[in-house]
Amino acid sequence: GDPAEILPAHSHDIARELVGVCGADKLLARARALRDGDDPDGRALQMACHIADFVRKGDPDNREAWELWRDLFAARIEVESSLMARGAFHAAVREAEARLAELGE
């Protein structure tokens, strides 16, 4: 396997470093571009979710990250056939809505 995946750093620590190096705005712009681009197999939407996840973990008070996270998973619910996956995606939407309520306007 990949040696970097053996005893990896915590995903929140990786996310903080990534956001620190790249900047939340650039990462979120890339996630939106993936969401809005041509995506016949759903992989771009999948990748957009990963990128938004890095920002919400690396900058947990970033309202735009939580809004995008919510919107991406709402979009994935619409195209997913797996009941189990849709349930997880609904949970992600609810988590984002709860966090957005905590952050206020």
N, C-alpha and C. Protein backbone atom coordinates (compact mmCIF):
# COMPACT_ATOMS: atom_id res chain seq x y z
N GLY A 1 0.81 -1.19 0.00
CA GLY A 1 0.00 0.00 0.00
C GLY A 1 0.86 1.26 0.00
N ASP A 2 0.20 2.35 0.10
CA ASP A 2 0.84 3.66 0.12
C ASP A 2 1.38 3.93 1.52
N PRO A 3 2.69 4.10 1.69
CA PRO A 3 3.24 4.31 3.04
C PRO A 3 2.72 5.57 3.72
N ALA A 4 2.28 6.56 2.96
CA ALA A 4 1.73 7.78 3.56
C ALA A 4 0.39 7.51 4.24
N GLU A 5 -0.25 6.39 3.89
CA GLU A 5 -1.54 6.05 4.48
C GLU A 5 -1.41 5.15 5.70
N ILE A 6 -0.18 4.79 6.05
CA ILE A 6 0.06 3.99 7.25
C ILE A 6 0.26 4.95 8.41
N LEU A 7 -0.55 4.82 9.44
CA LEU A 7 -0.52 5.72 10.60
C LEU A 7 -0.54 7.18 10.17
N PRO A 8 -1.58 7.58 9.42
CA PRO A 8 -1.65 8.95 8.91
C PRO A 8 -1.95 9.97 10.00
N ALA A 9 -1.66 11.22 9.70
CA ALA A 9 -2.06 12.31 10.58
C ALA A 9 -3.58 12.38 10.60
N HIS A 10 -4.12 12.99 11.64
CA HIS A 10 -5.58 13.13 11.75
C HIS A 10 -6.07 14.03 10.61
N SER A 11 -7.23 13.72 10.07
CA SER A 11 -7.75 14.47 8.93
C SER A 11 -7.96 15.95 9.25
N HIS A 12 -8.29 16.29 10.49
CA HIS A 12 -8.45 17.71 10.85
C HIS A 12 -7.11 18.44 10.79
N ASP A 13 -6.03 17.75 11.19
CA ASP A 13 -4.70 18.36 11.12
C ASP A 13 -4.26 18.55 9.67
N ILE A 14 -4.52 17.56 8.85
CA ILE A 14 -4.20 17.67 7.41
C ILE A 14 -5.00 18.83 6.81
N ALA A 15 -6.26 18.91 7.16
CA ALA A 15 -7.13 19.97 6.62
C ALA A 15 -6.63 21.35 7.02
N ARG A 16 -6.24 21.52 8.28
CA ARG A 16 -5.73 22.81 8.75
C ARG A 16 -4.50 23.23 7.96
N GLU A 17 -3.60 22.29 7.71
CA GLU A 17 -2.39 22.58 6.94
C GLU A 17 -2.74 22.96 5.51
N LEU A 18 -3.63 22.20 4.90
CA LEU A 18 -4.03 22.46 3.52
C LEU A 18 -4.68 23.83 3.38
N VAL A 19 -5.58 24.16 4.28
CA VAL A 19 -6.23 25.47 4.25
C VAL A 19 -5.21 26.57 4.50
N GLY A 20 -4.26 26.32 5.40
CA GLY A 20 -3.22 27.30 5.68
C GLY A 20 -2.34 27.58 4.48
N VAL A 21 -2.04 26.57 3.71
CA VAL A 21 -1.17 26.73 2.54
C VAL A 21 -1.93 27.29 1.34
N CYS A 22 -3.10 26.73 1.07
CA CYS A 22 -3.85 27.08 -0.15
C CYS A 22 -4.81 28.24 0.05
N GLY A 23 -5.36 28.36 1.23
CA GLY A 23 -6.38 29.35 1.50
C GLY A 23 -7.77 28.79 1.26
N ALA A 24 -8.68 29.10 2.17
CA ALA A 24 -10.05 28.59 2.08
C ALA A 24 -10.74 29.07 0.82
N ASP A 25 -10.53 30.34 0.45
CA ASP A 25 -11.23 30.89 -0.72
C ASP A 25 -10.88 30.13 -1.99
N LYS A 26 -9.61 29.83 -2.18
CA LYS A 26 -9.19 29.10 -3.39
C LYS A 26 -9.75 27.68 -3.40
N LEU A 27 -9.71 27.04 -2.25
CA LEU A 27 -10.24 25.68 -2.18
C LEU A 27 -11.74 25.65 -2.46
N LEU A 28 -12.46 26.58 -1.86
CA LEU A 28 -13.92 26.62 -2.09
C LEU A 28 -14.24 26.96 -3.54
N ALA A 29 -13.45 27.84 -4.14
CA ALA A 29 -13.66 28.16 -5.56
C ALA A 29 -13.46 26.92 -6.42
N ARG A 30 -12.46 26.13 -6.09
CA ARG A 30 -12.21 24.89 -6.85
C ARG A 30 -13.36 23.90 -6.66
N ALA A 31 -13.85 23.78 -5.45
CA ALA A 31 -14.98 22.88 -5.20
C ALA A 31 -16.21 23.32 -5.99
N ARG A 32 -16.45 24.62 -6.03
CA ARG A 32 -17.60 25.13 -6.81
C ARG A 32 -17.41 24.86 -8.30
N ALA A 33 -16.19 25.06 -8.79
CA ALA A 33 -15.91 24.81 -10.21
C ALA A 33 -16.15 23.34 -10.55
N LEU A 34 -15.73 22.45 -9.67
CA LEU A 34 -15.98 21.03 -9.90
C LEU A 34 -17.48 20.74 -9.90
N ARG A 35 -18.18 21.33 -8.95
CA ARG A 35 -19.64 21.14 -8.86
C ARG A 35 -20.34 21.62 -10.13
N ASP A 36 -19.89 22.75 -10.65
CA ASP A 36 -20.58 23.39 -11.76
C ASP A 36 -20.12 22.90 -13.13
N GLY A 37 -19.06 22.11 -13.18
CA GLY A 37 -18.53 21.63 -14.45
C GLY A 37 -19.25 20.40 -14.96
N ASP A 38 -18.80 19.93 -16.09
CA ASP A 38 -19.34 18.71 -16.70
C ASP A 38 -18.93 17.53 -15.82
N ASP A 39 -19.89 16.72 -15.42
CA ASP A 39 -19.62 15.63 -14.48
C ASP A 39 -20.46 14.41 -14.80
N PRO A 40 -20.20 13.75 -15.93
CA PRO A 40 -21.06 12.63 -16.34
C PRO A 40 -21.02 11.43 -15.39
N ASP A 41 -19.92 11.21 -14.68
CA ASP A 41 -19.82 10.04 -13.82
C ASP A 41 -19.91 10.36 -12.33
N GLY A 42 -20.08 11.62 -11.97
CA GLY A 42 -20.23 12.00 -10.57
C GLY A 42 -18.95 12.16 -9.79
N ARG A 43 -17.82 11.94 -10.44
CA ARG A 43 -16.55 12.03 -9.72
C ARG A 43 -16.17 13.45 -9.35
N ALA A 44 -16.55 14.41 -10.17
CA ALA A 44 -16.24 15.81 -9.85
C ALA A 44 -17.01 16.24 -8.61
N LEU A 45 -18.26 15.84 -8.52
CA LEU A 45 -19.06 16.17 -7.34
C LEU A 45 -18.47 15.50 -6.10
N GLN A 46 -18.02 14.29 -6.26
CA GLN A 46 -17.35 13.57 -5.18
C GLN A 46 -16.12 14.35 -4.71
N MET A 47 -15.29 14.78 -5.65
CA MET A 47 -14.08 15.52 -5.32
C MET A 47 -14.41 16.86 -4.68
N ALA A 48 -15.46 17.52 -5.17
CA ALA A 48 -15.88 18.79 -4.57
C ALA A 48 -16.23 18.59 -3.10
N CYS A 49 -16.85 17.48 -2.77
CA CYS A 49 -17.18 17.18 -1.37
C CYS A 49 -15.92 17.03 -0.53
N HIS A 50 -14.91 16.37 -1.06
CA HIS A 50 -13.66 16.21 -0.32
C HIS A 50 -13.01 17.57 -0.06
N ILE A 51 -12.99 18.42 -1.07
CA ILE A 51 -12.37 19.73 -0.92
C ILE A 51 -13.13 20.57 0.10
N ALA A 52 -14.45 20.59 0.02
CA ALA A 52 -15.25 21.33 1.00
C ALA A 52 -15.04 20.76 2.40
N ASP A 53 -14.87 19.45 2.50
CA ASP A 53 -14.61 18.80 3.78
C ASP A 53 -13.30 19.30 4.39
N PHE A 54 -12.27 19.44 3.57
CA PHE A 54 -11.01 19.97 4.08
C PHE A 54 -11.21 21.36 4.67
N VAL A 55 -11.98 22.20 3.99
CA VAL A 55 -12.16 23.57 4.47
C VAL A 55 -12.99 23.59 5.75
N ARG A 56 -14.05 22.80 5.80
CA ARG A 56 -14.88 22.83 7.02
C ARG A 56 -14.12 22.26 8.22
N LYS A 57 -13.22 21.32 7.98
CA LYS A 57 -12.40 20.78 9.07
C LYS A 57 -11.25 21.72 9.43
N GLY A 58 -10.64 22.32 8.42
CA GLY A 58 -9.49 23.18 8.65
C GLY A 58 -9.85 24.58 9.13
N ASP A 59 -11.07 25.00 8.85
CA ASP A 59 -11.56 26.32 9.24
C ASP A 59 -13.02 26.16 9.66
N PRO A 60 -13.25 25.55 10.84
CA PRO A 60 -14.62 25.16 11.21
C PRO A 60 -15.62 26.30 11.37
N ASP A 61 -15.16 27.53 11.41
CA ASP A 61 -16.08 28.67 11.50
C ASP A 61 -16.36 29.31 10.15
N ASN A 62 -15.91 28.67 9.08
CA ASN A 62 -16.09 29.20 7.74
C ASN A 62 -17.50 28.89 7.25
N ARG A 63 -18.34 29.89 7.28
CA ARG A 63 -19.76 29.74 6.90
C ARG A 63 -19.91 29.27 5.45
N GLU A 64 -19.10 29.81 4.54
CA GLU A 64 -19.19 29.41 3.13
C GLU A 64 -18.90 27.93 2.96
N ALA A 65 -17.95 27.41 3.72
CA ALA A 65 -17.61 25.99 3.63
C ALA A 65 -18.80 25.12 4.04
N TRP A 66 -19.46 25.52 5.13
CA TRP A 66 -20.61 24.75 5.60
C TRP A 66 -21.79 24.86 4.63
N GLU A 67 -21.98 26.03 4.05
CA GLU A 67 -23.06 26.19 3.06
C GLU A 67 -22.78 25.32 1.83
N LEU A 68 -21.54 25.34 1.37
CA LEU A 68 -21.20 24.53 0.21
C LEU A 68 -21.31 23.05 0.54
N TRP A 69 -20.83 22.65 1.70
CA TRP A 69 -20.93 21.25 2.17
C TRP A 69 -22.39 20.79 2.12
N ARG A 70 -23.29 21.62 2.67
CA ARG A 70 -24.71 21.31 2.67
C ARG A 70 -25.24 21.16 1.24
N ASP A 71 -24.90 22.12 0.39
CA ASP A 71 -25.42 22.12 -0.98
C ASP A 71 -24.88 20.96 -1.80
N LEU A 72 -23.61 20.62 -1.60
CA LEU A 72 -23.02 19.51 -2.34
C LEU A 72 -23.70 18.19 -1.98
N PHE A 73 -23.93 17.98 -0.70
CA PHE A 73 -24.56 16.72 -0.31
C PHE A 73 -26.04 16.69 -0.66
N ALA A 74 -26.68 17.85 -0.67
CA ALA A 74 -28.07 17.89 -1.15
C ALA A 74 -28.10 17.48 -2.62
N ALA A 75 -27.13 17.93 -3.39
CA ALA A 75 -27.06 17.56 -4.81
C ALA A 75 -26.78 16.07 -4.96
N ARG A 76 -25.92 15.54 -4.10
CA ARG A 76 -25.61 14.11 -4.20
C ARG A 76 -26.81 13.24 -3.85
N ILE A 77 -27.65 13.72 -2.94
CA ILE A 77 -28.87 12.98 -2.58
C ILE A 77 -29.73 12.77 -3.82
N GLU A 78 -29.79 13.80 -4.65
CA GLU A 78 -30.66 13.77 -5.84
C GLU A 78 -30.23 12.74 -6.87
N VAL A 79 -28.95 12.40 -6.92
CA VAL A 79 -28.47 11.49 -7.97
C VAL A 79 -28.05 10.12 -7.44
N GLU A 80 -28.09 9.93 -6.13
CA GLU A 80 -27.61 8.68 -5.54
C GLU A 80 -28.72 7.64 -5.49
N SER A 81 -28.40 6.41 -5.90
CA SER A 81 -29.38 5.34 -5.87
C SER A 81 -29.31 4.51 -4.59
N SER A 82 -28.19 4.55 -3.91
CA SER A 82 -28.02 3.76 -2.70
C SER A 82 -28.74 4.41 -1.51
N LEU A 83 -29.64 3.67 -0.91
CA LEU A 83 -30.40 4.17 0.23
C LEU A 83 -29.44 4.50 1.39
N MET A 84 -28.46 3.66 1.63
CA MET A 84 -27.52 3.88 2.72
C MET A 84 -26.70 5.16 2.48
N ALA A 85 -26.24 5.34 1.27
CA ALA A 85 -25.48 6.56 0.96
C ALA A 85 -26.36 7.79 1.09
N ARG A 86 -27.58 7.72 0.61
CA ARG A 86 -28.49 8.87 0.74
C ARG A 86 -28.72 9.22 2.21
N GLY A 87 -28.82 8.22 3.05
CA GLY A 87 -28.97 8.46 4.49
C GLY A 87 -27.77 9.20 5.06
N ALA A 88 -26.56 8.79 4.65
CA ALA A 88 -25.35 9.48 5.11
C ALA A 88 -25.30 10.91 4.57
N PHE A 89 -25.74 11.09 3.34
CA PHE A 89 -25.75 12.43 2.74
C PHE A 89 -26.76 13.34 3.45
N HIS A 90 -27.91 12.77 3.82
CA HIS A 90 -28.89 13.54 4.59
C HIS A 90 -28.29 13.95 5.94
N ALA A 91 -27.55 13.05 6.56
CA ALA A 91 -26.91 13.37 7.84
C ALA A 91 -25.91 14.51 7.66
N ALA A 92 -25.18 14.54 6.56
CA ALA A 92 -24.24 15.62 6.29
C ALA A 92 -24.98 16.95 6.13
N VAL A 93 -26.11 16.93 5.45
CA VAL A 93 -26.92 18.14 5.28
C VAL A 93 -27.40 18.63 6.64
N ARG A 94 -27.89 17.72 7.47
CA ARG A 94 -28.37 18.11 8.81
C ARG A 94 -27.23 18.66 9.67
N GLU A 95 -26.06 18.04 9.58
CA GLU A 95 -24.90 18.53 10.33
C GLU A 95 -24.56 19.96 9.91
N ALA A 96 -24.56 20.19 8.61
CA ALA A 96 -24.25 21.53 8.10
C ALA A 96 -25.28 22.54 8.57
N GLU A 97 -26.55 22.17 8.51
CA GLU A 97 -27.61 23.09 8.94
C GLU A 97 -27.48 23.42 10.42
N ALA A 98 -27.13 22.42 11.22
CA ALA A 98 -26.94 22.65 12.66
C ALA A 98 -25.75 23.59 12.90
N ARG A 99 -24.66 23.36 12.17
CA ARG A 99 -23.47 24.20 12.35
C ARG A 99 -23.75 25.62 11.88
N LEU A 100 -24.45 25.75 10.79
CA LEU A 100 -24.80 27.09 10.29
C LEU A 100 -25.68 27.84 11.29
N ALA A 101 -26.57 27.12 11.96
CA ALA A 101 -27.40 27.74 12.99
C ALA A 101 -26.55 28.20 14.16
N GLU A 102 -25.54 27.41 14.51
CA GLU A 102 -24.61 27.80 15.59
C GLU A 102 -23.81 29.06 15.21
N LEU A 103 -23.41 29.12 13.96
CA LEU A 103 -22.61 30.26 13.50
C LEU A 103 -23.43 31.53 13.38
N GLY A 104 -24.75 31.38 13.25
CA GLY A 104 -25.61 32.55 13.12
C GLY A 104 -25.43 33.22 11.77
N GLU A 105 -25.94 34.41 11.64
CA GLU A 105 -25.88 35.13 10.35
C GLU A 105 -24.60 35.81 10.19
